[in-house]
N, C-alpha and C. Protein backbone atom coordinates (compact mmCIF):
# COMPACT_ATOMS: atom_id res chain seq x y z
N MET A 1 -19.25 -2.05 9.00
CA MET A 1 -20.36 -1.96 8.09
C MET A 1 -20.98 -3.35 7.96
N THR A 2 -22.26 -3.44 8.07
CA THR A 2 -22.95 -4.70 7.83
C THR A 2 -23.65 -4.61 6.49
N MET A 3 -23.95 -5.76 5.94
CA MET A 3 -24.61 -5.77 4.65
C MET A 3 -25.96 -5.07 4.73
N ALA A 4 -26.63 -5.13 5.88
CA ALA A 4 -27.92 -4.49 6.04
C ALA A 4 -27.80 -2.97 5.96
N SER A 5 -26.62 -2.43 6.25
CA SER A 5 -26.46 -0.98 6.26
C SER A 5 -26.25 -0.39 4.87
N THR A 6 -26.01 -1.23 3.86
CA THR A 6 -25.82 -0.68 2.52
C THR A 6 -27.18 -0.45 1.88
N SER A 7 -27.34 0.68 1.23
CA SER A 7 -28.61 0.98 0.59
C SER A 7 -28.67 0.30 -0.77
N SER A 8 -29.86 0.35 -1.40
CA SER A 8 -30.03 -0.29 -2.70
C SER A 8 -29.24 0.43 -3.78
N THR A 9 -28.80 1.67 -3.53
CA THR A 9 -28.02 2.41 -4.53
C THR A 9 -26.52 2.23 -4.33
N THR A 10 -26.12 1.45 -3.36
CA THR A 10 -24.70 1.21 -3.13
C THR A 10 -24.24 0.02 -3.96
N LEU A 11 -23.18 0.22 -4.74
CA LEU A 11 -22.59 -0.87 -5.50
C LEU A 11 -21.62 -1.62 -4.60
N LEU A 12 -21.53 -2.92 -4.79
CA LEU A 12 -20.71 -3.75 -3.93
C LEU A 12 -19.45 -4.22 -4.66
N ALA A 13 -18.29 -4.03 -4.03
CA ALA A 13 -17.01 -4.52 -4.55
C ALA A 13 -16.50 -5.59 -3.59
N THR A 14 -16.29 -6.81 -4.12
CA THR A 14 -15.91 -7.93 -3.25
C THR A 14 -14.63 -8.63 -3.69
N ARG A 15 -14.00 -8.14 -4.75
CA ARG A 15 -12.80 -8.81 -5.25
C ARG A 15 -11.77 -7.77 -5.65
N VAL A 16 -10.51 -8.04 -5.32
CA VAL A 16 -9.42 -7.15 -5.70
C VAL A 16 -8.51 -7.85 -6.71
N LEU A 17 -8.08 -7.10 -7.70
CA LEU A 17 -7.09 -7.58 -8.67
C LEU A 17 -5.81 -6.79 -8.40
N PRO A 18 -4.85 -7.40 -7.69
CA PRO A 18 -3.61 -6.69 -7.36
C PRO A 18 -2.93 -6.15 -8.62
N ARG A 19 -2.52 -4.89 -8.55
CA ARG A 19 -1.84 -4.20 -9.66
C ARG A 19 -2.60 -4.33 -10.97
N GLY A 20 -3.92 -4.41 -10.88
CA GLY A 20 -4.74 -4.49 -12.08
C GLY A 20 -4.95 -5.88 -12.62
N GLY A 21 -4.30 -6.87 -12.00
CA GLY A 21 -4.52 -8.26 -12.37
C GLY A 21 -4.26 -8.59 -13.82
N GLY A 22 -3.37 -7.85 -14.48
CA GLY A 22 -3.05 -8.14 -15.88
C GLY A 22 -4.02 -7.53 -16.88
N LEU A 23 -4.97 -6.74 -16.40
CA LEU A 23 -5.90 -6.09 -17.33
C LEU A 23 -5.17 -5.04 -18.15
N ALA A 24 -5.68 -4.78 -19.33
CA ALA A 24 -5.08 -3.77 -20.22
C ALA A 24 -5.10 -2.41 -19.54
N ARG A 25 -3.99 -1.68 -19.66
CA ARG A 25 -3.89 -0.34 -19.05
C ARG A 25 -4.99 0.59 -19.55
N ALA A 26 -5.32 0.50 -20.83
CA ALA A 26 -6.36 1.36 -21.40
C ALA A 26 -7.71 1.09 -20.74
N LEU A 27 -8.00 -0.17 -20.46
CA LEU A 27 -9.25 -0.53 -19.79
C LEU A 27 -9.27 0.05 -18.38
N LEU A 28 -8.19 -0.10 -17.65
CA LEU A 28 -8.12 0.44 -16.29
C LEU A 28 -8.18 1.96 -16.29
N ALA A 29 -7.54 2.59 -17.27
CA ALA A 29 -7.52 4.06 -17.33
C ALA A 29 -8.93 4.62 -17.52
N ARG A 30 -9.80 3.89 -18.20
CA ARG A 30 -11.18 4.34 -18.42
C ARG A 30 -12.10 4.06 -17.23
N ALA A 31 -11.67 3.19 -16.33
CA ALA A 31 -12.52 2.82 -15.19
C ALA A 31 -12.60 3.98 -14.20
N PRO A 32 -13.75 4.16 -13.56
CA PRO A 32 -13.83 5.16 -12.49
C PRO A 32 -12.87 4.79 -11.36
N ALA A 33 -12.49 5.77 -10.58
CA ALA A 33 -11.51 5.52 -9.51
C ALA A 33 -12.17 5.62 -8.14
N LEU A 34 -11.57 4.92 -7.21
CA LEU A 34 -11.87 5.04 -5.79
C LEU A 34 -10.58 5.58 -5.18
N VAL A 35 -10.61 6.86 -4.78
CA VAL A 35 -9.42 7.54 -4.27
C VAL A 35 -9.44 7.42 -2.75
N LEU A 36 -8.46 6.70 -2.20
CA LEU A 36 -8.48 6.35 -0.78
C LEU A 36 -7.15 6.67 -0.12
N ASP A 37 -7.21 7.14 1.12
CA ASP A 37 -5.96 7.36 1.86
C ASP A 37 -5.49 6.04 2.46
N TRP A 38 -4.32 6.06 3.08
CA TRP A 38 -3.71 4.84 3.62
C TRP A 38 -4.60 4.18 4.67
N ALA A 39 -5.19 4.97 5.55
CA ALA A 39 -6.04 4.40 6.61
C ALA A 39 -7.21 3.63 6.00
N GLN A 40 -7.84 4.19 4.97
CA GLN A 40 -8.96 3.50 4.32
C GLN A 40 -8.51 2.23 3.61
N ARG A 41 -7.36 2.29 2.95
CA ARG A 41 -6.90 1.14 2.15
C ARG A 41 -6.49 -0.05 3.02
N GLN A 42 -6.34 0.15 4.32
CA GLN A 42 -6.01 -0.95 5.22
C GLN A 42 -7.25 -1.67 5.74
N ARG A 43 -8.41 -1.09 5.53
CA ARG A 43 -9.65 -1.68 6.03
C ARG A 43 -10.22 -2.64 4.99
N SER A 44 -10.81 -3.72 5.45
CA SER A 44 -11.38 -4.69 4.51
C SER A 44 -12.87 -4.46 4.26
N ARG A 45 -13.50 -3.64 5.09
CA ARG A 45 -14.92 -3.32 4.91
C ARG A 45 -15.13 -1.83 5.14
N PHE A 46 -15.64 -1.15 4.11
CA PHE A 46 -15.91 0.28 4.24
C PHE A 46 -16.79 0.74 3.09
N GLU A 47 -17.31 1.95 3.20
CA GLU A 47 -18.04 2.59 2.12
C GLU A 47 -17.28 3.83 1.69
N ALA A 48 -17.32 4.12 0.40
CA ALA A 48 -16.66 5.30 -0.15
C ALA A 48 -17.42 5.72 -1.40
N THR A 49 -17.08 6.88 -1.92
CA THR A 49 -17.69 7.40 -3.14
C THR A 49 -16.65 7.39 -4.26
N ASP A 50 -17.03 6.86 -5.43
CA ASP A 50 -16.08 6.82 -6.54
C ASP A 50 -16.08 8.15 -7.29
N THR A 51 -15.25 8.26 -8.32
CA THR A 51 -15.12 9.52 -9.06
C THR A 51 -16.35 9.86 -9.89
N LEU A 52 -17.29 8.93 -10.02
CA LEU A 52 -18.57 9.22 -10.68
C LEU A 52 -19.64 9.62 -9.68
N GLY A 53 -19.29 9.67 -8.39
CA GLY A 53 -20.25 10.04 -7.35
C GLY A 53 -21.09 8.89 -6.84
N ARG A 54 -20.78 7.67 -7.22
CA ARG A 54 -21.55 6.50 -6.78
C ARG A 54 -21.04 6.01 -5.43
N ARG A 55 -21.96 5.54 -4.58
CA ARG A 55 -21.58 4.93 -3.30
C ARG A 55 -21.11 3.51 -3.59
N ILE A 56 -19.95 3.17 -3.02
CA ILE A 56 -19.37 1.84 -3.20
C ILE A 56 -19.19 1.20 -1.83
N GLY A 57 -19.74 0.01 -1.65
CA GLY A 57 -19.50 -0.78 -0.45
C GLY A 57 -18.39 -1.77 -0.76
N VAL A 58 -17.30 -1.69 -0.03
CA VAL A 58 -16.16 -2.59 -0.25
C VAL A 58 -16.18 -3.65 0.85
N VAL A 59 -16.26 -4.90 0.44
CA VAL A 59 -16.27 -6.03 1.38
C VAL A 59 -15.25 -7.05 0.86
N LEU A 60 -14.06 -7.02 1.46
CA LEU A 60 -12.95 -7.87 1.04
C LEU A 60 -12.57 -8.83 2.16
N PRO A 61 -11.84 -9.88 1.85
CA PRO A 61 -11.39 -10.79 2.92
C PRO A 61 -10.58 -10.04 3.97
N ARG A 62 -10.77 -10.43 5.21
CA ARG A 62 -10.05 -9.80 6.32
C ARG A 62 -8.54 -9.82 6.05
N GLY A 63 -7.90 -8.70 6.33
CA GLY A 63 -6.46 -8.60 6.15
C GLY A 63 -6.04 -8.08 4.79
N THR A 64 -6.98 -7.91 3.87
CA THR A 64 -6.65 -7.38 2.55
C THR A 64 -6.24 -5.91 2.67
N VAL A 65 -5.16 -5.55 2.02
CA VAL A 65 -4.69 -4.17 1.98
C VAL A 65 -4.69 -3.74 0.52
N LEU A 66 -5.36 -2.63 0.23
CA LEU A 66 -5.40 -2.11 -1.14
C LEU A 66 -4.21 -1.19 -1.39
N ARG A 67 -3.71 -1.22 -2.60
CA ARG A 67 -2.61 -0.36 -3.04
C ARG A 67 -3.04 0.43 -4.26
N GLY A 68 -2.46 1.60 -4.44
CA GLY A 68 -2.70 2.34 -5.66
C GLY A 68 -2.33 1.48 -6.85
N GLY A 69 -3.20 1.43 -7.86
CA GLY A 69 -2.96 0.58 -9.02
C GLY A 69 -3.74 -0.72 -9.00
N ASP A 70 -4.30 -1.07 -7.84
CA ASP A 70 -5.15 -2.25 -7.77
C ASP A 70 -6.46 -1.95 -8.50
N ALA A 71 -7.20 -2.99 -8.84
CA ALA A 71 -8.53 -2.85 -9.41
C ALA A 71 -9.51 -3.59 -8.50
N LEU A 72 -10.69 -3.03 -8.36
CA LEU A 72 -11.76 -3.70 -7.62
C LEU A 72 -12.82 -4.15 -8.62
N VAL A 73 -13.34 -5.35 -8.43
CA VAL A 73 -14.39 -5.88 -9.28
C VAL A 73 -15.71 -5.70 -8.55
N LEU A 74 -16.66 -5.04 -9.22
CA LEU A 74 -17.98 -4.82 -8.65
C LEU A 74 -18.86 -6.05 -8.88
N ALA A 75 -19.89 -6.19 -8.07
CA ALA A 75 -20.80 -7.33 -8.18
C ALA A 75 -21.47 -7.38 -9.56
N ASP A 76 -21.65 -6.21 -10.20
CA ASP A 76 -22.27 -6.19 -11.53
C ASP A 76 -21.26 -6.41 -12.65
N GLY A 77 -19.99 -6.71 -12.30
CA GLY A 77 -18.96 -6.95 -13.30
C GLY A 77 -18.14 -5.72 -13.66
N GLY A 78 -18.52 -4.57 -13.16
CA GLY A 78 -17.77 -3.35 -13.43
C GLY A 78 -16.44 -3.33 -12.70
N LEU A 79 -15.60 -2.38 -13.09
CA LEU A 79 -14.27 -2.23 -12.49
C LEU A 79 -14.10 -0.85 -11.88
N LEU A 80 -13.28 -0.80 -10.85
CA LEU A 80 -12.84 0.46 -10.25
C LEU A 80 -11.33 0.43 -10.12
N ARG A 81 -10.68 1.56 -10.41
CA ARG A 81 -9.25 1.71 -10.15
C ARG A 81 -9.08 2.20 -8.73
N VAL A 82 -8.14 1.66 -8.01
CA VAL A 82 -7.80 2.17 -6.68
C VAL A 82 -6.67 3.17 -6.86
N GLU A 83 -6.87 4.39 -6.35
CA GLU A 83 -5.82 5.41 -6.37
C GLU A 83 -5.48 5.77 -4.94
N ALA A 84 -4.21 5.90 -4.66
CA ALA A 84 -3.75 6.36 -3.34
C ALA A 84 -3.93 7.87 -3.29
N ALA A 85 -4.73 8.34 -2.35
CA ALA A 85 -5.01 9.77 -2.21
C ALA A 85 -3.80 10.50 -1.65
N PRO A 86 -3.55 11.71 -2.10
CA PRO A 86 -2.51 12.52 -1.45
C PRO A 86 -2.91 12.76 0.01
N GLU A 87 -1.94 12.70 0.90
CA GLU A 87 -2.20 12.94 2.31
C GLU A 87 -0.99 13.61 2.94
N PRO A 88 -1.17 14.20 4.12
CA PRO A 88 -0.05 14.92 4.76
C PRO A 88 1.04 13.96 5.23
N LEU A 89 2.25 14.16 4.70
CA LEU A 89 3.37 13.28 5.00
C LEU A 89 4.61 14.09 5.33
N LEU A 90 5.58 13.39 5.90
CA LEU A 90 6.94 13.92 6.03
C LEU A 90 7.80 13.23 4.99
N ARG A 91 8.53 14.01 4.20
CA ARG A 91 9.50 13.46 3.25
C ARG A 91 10.89 13.71 3.83
N VAL A 92 11.66 12.64 3.96
CA VAL A 92 12.96 12.69 4.62
C VAL A 92 14.04 12.41 3.57
N THR A 93 15.02 13.31 3.48
CA THR A 93 16.13 13.13 2.55
C THR A 93 17.44 13.37 3.28
N ALA A 94 18.51 12.84 2.72
CA ALA A 94 19.85 13.10 3.28
C ALA A 94 20.18 14.57 3.07
N CYS A 95 20.87 15.15 4.01
CA CYS A 95 21.29 16.54 3.90
C CYS A 95 22.20 16.69 2.68
N PRO A 96 21.87 17.61 1.75
CA PRO A 96 22.69 17.73 0.54
C PRO A 96 24.10 18.26 0.81
N ARG A 97 24.33 18.94 1.93
CA ARG A 97 25.65 19.52 2.22
C ARG A 97 26.60 18.51 2.83
N HIS A 98 26.14 17.72 3.78
CA HIS A 98 27.08 16.80 4.46
C HIS A 98 26.48 15.43 4.74
N GLY A 99 25.35 15.11 4.13
CA GLY A 99 24.72 13.82 4.38
C GLY A 99 25.16 12.77 3.37
N THR A 100 24.82 11.52 3.71
CA THR A 100 25.09 10.39 2.82
C THR A 100 23.86 9.49 2.78
N PRO A 101 23.75 8.61 1.78
CA PRO A 101 22.63 7.66 1.76
C PRO A 101 22.56 6.80 3.03
N LEU A 102 23.69 6.59 3.68
CA LEU A 102 23.70 5.82 4.92
C LEU A 102 22.82 6.49 5.99
N ASP A 103 22.70 7.80 5.94
CA ASP A 103 21.85 8.51 6.89
C ASP A 103 20.40 8.07 6.77
N LEU A 104 19.94 7.83 5.54
CA LEU A 104 18.57 7.35 5.34
C LEU A 104 18.40 5.94 5.89
N LEU A 105 19.43 5.11 5.75
CA LEU A 105 19.36 3.76 6.33
C LEU A 105 19.24 3.83 7.85
N ARG A 106 20.01 4.71 8.46
CA ARG A 106 19.92 4.87 9.92
C ARG A 106 18.52 5.34 10.32
N ALA A 107 17.99 6.28 9.57
CA ALA A 107 16.64 6.78 9.87
C ALA A 107 15.62 5.65 9.74
N ALA A 108 15.71 4.85 8.68
CA ALA A 108 14.79 3.73 8.50
C ALA A 108 14.90 2.75 9.66
N TYR A 109 16.11 2.52 10.13
CA TYR A 109 16.34 1.63 11.28
C TYR A 109 15.62 2.18 12.52
N HIS A 110 15.82 3.45 12.83
CA HIS A 110 15.20 4.04 14.02
C HIS A 110 13.68 4.07 13.91
N LEU A 111 13.17 4.38 12.73
CA LEU A 111 11.72 4.41 12.54
C LEU A 111 11.14 3.00 12.61
N GLY A 112 11.85 2.02 12.06
CA GLY A 112 11.40 0.63 12.14
C GLY A 112 11.33 0.14 13.57
N ASN A 113 12.29 0.55 14.40
CA ASN A 113 12.25 0.17 15.82
C ASN A 113 11.03 0.73 16.52
N ARG A 114 10.46 1.80 15.97
CA ARG A 114 9.26 2.41 16.54
C ARG A 114 7.99 1.92 15.83
N HIS A 115 8.14 0.95 14.94
CA HIS A 115 7.02 0.38 14.18
C HIS A 115 6.24 1.44 13.42
N VAL A 116 6.95 2.38 12.83
CA VAL A 116 6.35 3.45 12.05
C VAL A 116 6.12 2.95 10.62
N ALA A 117 4.91 3.17 10.09
CA ALA A 117 4.66 2.85 8.68
C ALA A 117 5.56 3.74 7.84
N LEU A 118 6.32 3.13 6.91
CA LEU A 118 7.37 3.85 6.21
C LEU A 118 7.40 3.48 4.73
N GLN A 119 7.38 4.48 3.89
CA GLN A 119 7.56 4.29 2.45
C GLN A 119 9.03 4.55 2.15
N ILE A 120 9.67 3.57 1.52
CA ILE A 120 11.10 3.66 1.24
C ILE A 120 11.31 3.83 -0.26
N GLU A 121 11.95 4.92 -0.63
CA GLU A 121 12.28 5.23 -2.02
C GLU A 121 13.80 5.32 -2.14
N PRO A 122 14.34 5.27 -3.36
CA PRO A 122 15.80 5.30 -3.51
C PRO A 122 16.47 6.53 -2.91
N ASP A 123 15.80 7.68 -2.95
CA ASP A 123 16.43 8.91 -2.48
C ASP A 123 15.72 9.58 -1.31
N HIS A 124 14.65 8.95 -0.79
CA HIS A 124 13.94 9.55 0.34
C HIS A 124 13.06 8.51 1.04
N LEU A 125 12.62 8.89 2.22
CA LEU A 125 11.64 8.13 3.01
C LEU A 125 10.40 8.99 3.15
N GLN A 126 9.24 8.36 3.30
CA GLN A 126 8.01 9.10 3.61
C GLN A 126 7.30 8.40 4.75
N LEU A 127 6.73 9.21 5.65
CA LEU A 127 5.96 8.70 6.76
C LEU A 127 4.86 9.69 7.09
N GLU A 128 3.86 9.22 7.83
CA GLU A 128 2.78 10.11 8.23
C GLU A 128 3.35 11.21 9.13
N ARG A 129 2.75 12.40 9.04
CA ARG A 129 3.26 13.54 9.80
C ARG A 129 3.19 13.28 11.30
N ASP A 130 4.29 13.59 11.96
CA ASP A 130 4.40 13.44 13.41
C ASP A 130 5.50 14.40 13.85
N PRO A 131 5.15 15.43 14.64
CA PRO A 131 6.16 16.42 15.02
C PRO A 131 7.30 15.85 15.86
N VAL A 132 7.03 14.85 16.68
CA VAL A 132 8.08 14.25 17.50
C VAL A 132 9.08 13.52 16.60
N LEU A 133 8.56 12.75 15.63
CA LEU A 133 9.46 12.04 14.72
C LEU A 133 10.20 13.02 13.80
N ALA A 134 9.54 14.11 13.42
CA ALA A 134 10.23 15.12 12.60
C ALA A 134 11.43 15.67 13.35
N ASP A 135 11.26 15.96 14.64
CA ASP A 135 12.38 16.46 15.44
C ASP A 135 13.49 15.42 15.58
N LEU A 136 13.11 14.16 15.80
CA LEU A 136 14.10 13.09 15.89
C LEU A 136 14.93 13.01 14.61
N LEU A 137 14.26 13.07 13.46
CA LEU A 137 14.94 12.96 12.17
C LEU A 137 15.84 14.17 11.91
N ARG A 138 15.37 15.34 12.28
CA ARG A 138 16.23 16.53 12.13
C ARG A 138 17.45 16.42 13.03
N GLY A 139 17.27 15.80 14.21
CA GLY A 139 18.40 15.57 15.12
C GLY A 139 19.43 14.61 14.55
N LEU A 140 19.01 13.79 13.56
CA LEU A 140 19.93 12.89 12.86
C LEU A 140 20.54 13.58 11.64
N HIS A 141 20.36 14.90 11.54
CA HIS A 141 20.91 15.73 10.46
C HIS A 141 20.32 15.38 9.10
N LEU A 142 19.00 15.09 9.10
CA LEU A 142 18.29 14.81 7.86
C LEU A 142 17.40 16.00 7.52
N ASP A 143 17.12 16.19 6.24
CA ASP A 143 16.17 17.20 5.80
C ASP A 143 14.77 16.61 5.88
N VAL A 144 13.86 17.31 6.55
CA VAL A 144 12.48 16.85 6.72
C VAL A 144 11.57 17.93 6.15
N THR A 145 10.74 17.54 5.18
CA THR A 145 9.84 18.46 4.51
C THR A 145 8.42 17.93 4.62
N GLU A 146 7.47 18.82 4.89
CA GLU A 146 6.06 18.44 4.88
C GLU A 146 5.57 18.47 3.44
N VAL A 147 4.93 17.38 3.01
CA VAL A 147 4.41 17.26 1.64
C VAL A 147 3.00 16.69 1.68
N GLU A 148 2.28 16.86 0.59
CA GLU A 148 1.01 16.17 0.34
C GLU A 148 1.30 15.20 -0.81
N ALA A 149 1.21 13.90 -0.54
CA ALA A 149 1.56 12.91 -1.56
C ALA A 149 0.86 11.59 -1.24
N PRO A 150 0.69 10.73 -2.26
CA PRO A 150 0.18 9.38 -1.98
C PRO A 150 1.15 8.64 -1.07
N PHE A 151 0.61 7.79 -0.19
CA PHE A 151 1.42 7.06 0.78
C PHE A 151 1.29 5.57 0.52
N GLU A 152 2.42 4.93 0.20
CA GLU A 152 2.48 3.49 -0.05
C GLU A 152 3.58 2.87 0.81
N PRO A 153 3.32 2.70 2.11
CA PRO A 153 4.37 2.17 2.98
C PRO A 153 4.66 0.69 2.72
N GLU A 154 5.84 0.28 3.19
CA GLU A 154 6.24 -1.13 3.10
C GLU A 154 5.22 -1.98 3.85
N SER A 155 5.05 -3.23 3.39
CA SER A 155 4.07 -4.11 4.02
C SER A 155 4.59 -4.77 5.28
N GLY A 156 5.88 -4.73 5.53
CA GLY A 156 6.43 -5.33 6.74
C GLY A 156 7.06 -6.67 6.47
N ALA A 157 7.84 -7.12 7.42
CA ALA A 157 8.61 -8.35 7.26
C ALA A 157 7.73 -9.59 7.19
N TYR A 158 6.54 -9.53 7.78
CA TYR A 158 5.72 -10.73 7.85
C TYR A 158 4.58 -10.73 6.86
N GLY A 159 4.46 -9.68 6.06
CA GLY A 159 3.40 -9.62 5.08
C GLY A 159 3.93 -9.87 3.69
N HIS A 160 3.04 -10.17 2.76
CA HIS A 160 3.42 -10.26 1.36
C HIS A 160 3.59 -8.85 0.84
N PRO A 161 4.46 -8.61 -0.11
CA PRO A 161 4.66 -7.26 -0.60
C PRO A 161 3.38 -6.69 -1.18
N GLY A 162 2.79 -5.76 -0.48
CA GLY A 162 1.67 -5.03 -1.04
C GLY A 162 0.30 -5.58 -0.78
N HIS A 163 0.15 -6.86 -0.50
CA HIS A 163 -1.19 -7.43 -0.39
C HIS A 163 -1.23 -8.57 0.59
N ALA A 164 -2.37 -8.70 1.25
CA ALA A 164 -2.63 -9.90 2.04
C ALA A 164 -3.26 -10.92 1.11
N HIS A 165 -2.94 -12.17 1.26
CA HIS A 165 -3.51 -13.24 0.45
C HIS A 165 -4.03 -14.32 1.38
N PRO A 166 -5.29 -14.19 1.83
CA PRO A 166 -5.83 -15.25 2.68
C PRO A 166 -5.80 -16.58 1.94
N HIS A 167 -5.68 -17.66 2.66
CA HIS A 167 -5.59 -18.98 2.04
C HIS A 167 -6.77 -19.21 1.12
N GLY A 168 -6.49 -19.74 -0.05
CA GLY A 168 -7.54 -20.06 -1.01
C GLY A 168 -7.98 -18.88 -1.85
N HIS A 169 -7.27 -17.77 -1.83
CA HIS A 169 -7.69 -16.60 -2.60
C HIS A 169 -6.58 -16.11 -3.52
N GLY A 170 -6.11 -16.96 -4.39
CA GLY A 170 -5.27 -16.50 -5.48
C GLY A 170 -3.77 -16.53 -5.28
N HIS A 171 -3.26 -16.91 -4.14
CA HIS A 171 -1.81 -16.98 -3.99
C HIS A 171 -1.45 -18.40 -3.60
N ARG A 172 -0.80 -19.11 -4.51
CA ARG A 172 -0.47 -20.51 -4.26
C ARG A 172 0.89 -20.60 -3.60
N HIS A 173 1.03 -21.58 -2.75
CA HIS A 173 2.32 -21.87 -2.15
C HIS A 173 2.72 -23.30 -2.47
N ASP A 174 2.67 -23.64 -3.76
CA ASP A 174 3.06 -24.99 -4.16
C ASP A 174 4.50 -25.03 -4.65
N HIS A 175 5.25 -23.99 -4.34
CA HIS A 175 6.66 -23.97 -4.70
C HIS A 175 7.50 -24.06 -3.43
N ASP A 176 8.71 -24.57 -3.60
CA ASP A 176 9.62 -24.70 -2.47
C ASP A 176 10.36 -23.38 -2.29
N HIS A 177 10.27 -22.81 -1.12
CA HIS A 177 10.93 -21.53 -0.87
C HIS A 177 12.45 -21.65 -0.86
N ASP A 178 12.99 -22.87 -0.75
CA ASP A 178 14.44 -23.05 -0.81
C ASP A 178 14.92 -23.20 -2.25
N ASP A 179 14.03 -23.54 -3.17
CA ASP A 179 14.39 -23.69 -4.58
C ASP A 179 13.89 -22.46 -5.30
N HIS A 180 14.77 -21.58 -5.68
CA HIS A 180 14.39 -20.31 -6.29
C HIS A 180 14.25 -20.42 -7.81
N GLY A 181 14.05 -21.63 -8.30
CA GLY A 181 13.86 -21.82 -9.72
C GLY A 181 15.15 -21.83 -10.53
N HIS A 182 16.26 -21.95 -9.84
CA HIS A 182 17.54 -22.00 -10.53
C HIS A 182 18.55 -22.77 -9.69
N ASP A 183 19.60 -23.20 -10.36
CA ASP A 183 20.66 -23.94 -9.68
C ASP A 183 21.90 -23.08 -9.68
N HIS A 184 22.43 -22.82 -8.51
CA HIS A 184 23.65 -22.01 -8.45
C HIS A 184 24.74 -22.72 -7.68
N GLY A 185 24.82 -24.05 -7.87
CA GLY A 185 25.98 -24.81 -7.44
C GLY A 185 26.01 -25.22 -5.98
N HIS A 186 24.97 -24.93 -5.22
CA HIS A 186 24.96 -25.40 -3.83
C HIS A 186 23.52 -25.60 -3.39
N ARG A 187 23.36 -26.29 -2.29
CA ARG A 187 22.03 -26.56 -1.75
C ARG A 187 21.78 -25.65 -0.57
N HIS A 188 20.53 -25.28 -0.39
CA HIS A 188 20.14 -24.50 0.77
C HIS A 188 19.95 -25.43 1.96
N ALA A 189 20.42 -25.04 3.11
CA ALA A 189 20.24 -25.87 4.31
C ALA A 189 18.77 -25.88 4.69
N PRO A 190 18.27 -27.00 5.25
CA PRO A 190 16.86 -27.07 5.65
C PRO A 190 16.57 -26.14 6.81
């Protein structure tokens, strides 16, 4: 999307407040929502329609990933709540008859080796529907159910949890990653 392609009736959102940025819950609850699936929330430039029927042009720094619960700031100062849209997923659980939580760990390992986007919950995993992966998981003696649910996969080992933070946009690195803000009797090796 280029700026020239947005019409005069399109509102522009150019700033994200992760997890609402500390705004009062009541304020966010009254804000119109932008309901987006996982594919849309990974894009930094797109157009969508909010719950009031208004066209919204979203132009965020490259690499920004939106999560349900984030807020978008409009150019006119208005706010939008980001909601994760329900989408077709596979929900994977340990077999209640003879499974163990370790089975879910094994499944996460195999799916991670395939670079599958994966939402990890205490009692289940969720991933985008894929019949080949469903068969693989059933072969590991796991219960696989098709569901419609919001999808919030892990950000990966090299990303920040939930959000990209391009340099100079709100995430400081002026702390030492070896000093966790406490002393526990030993030093971390360099």
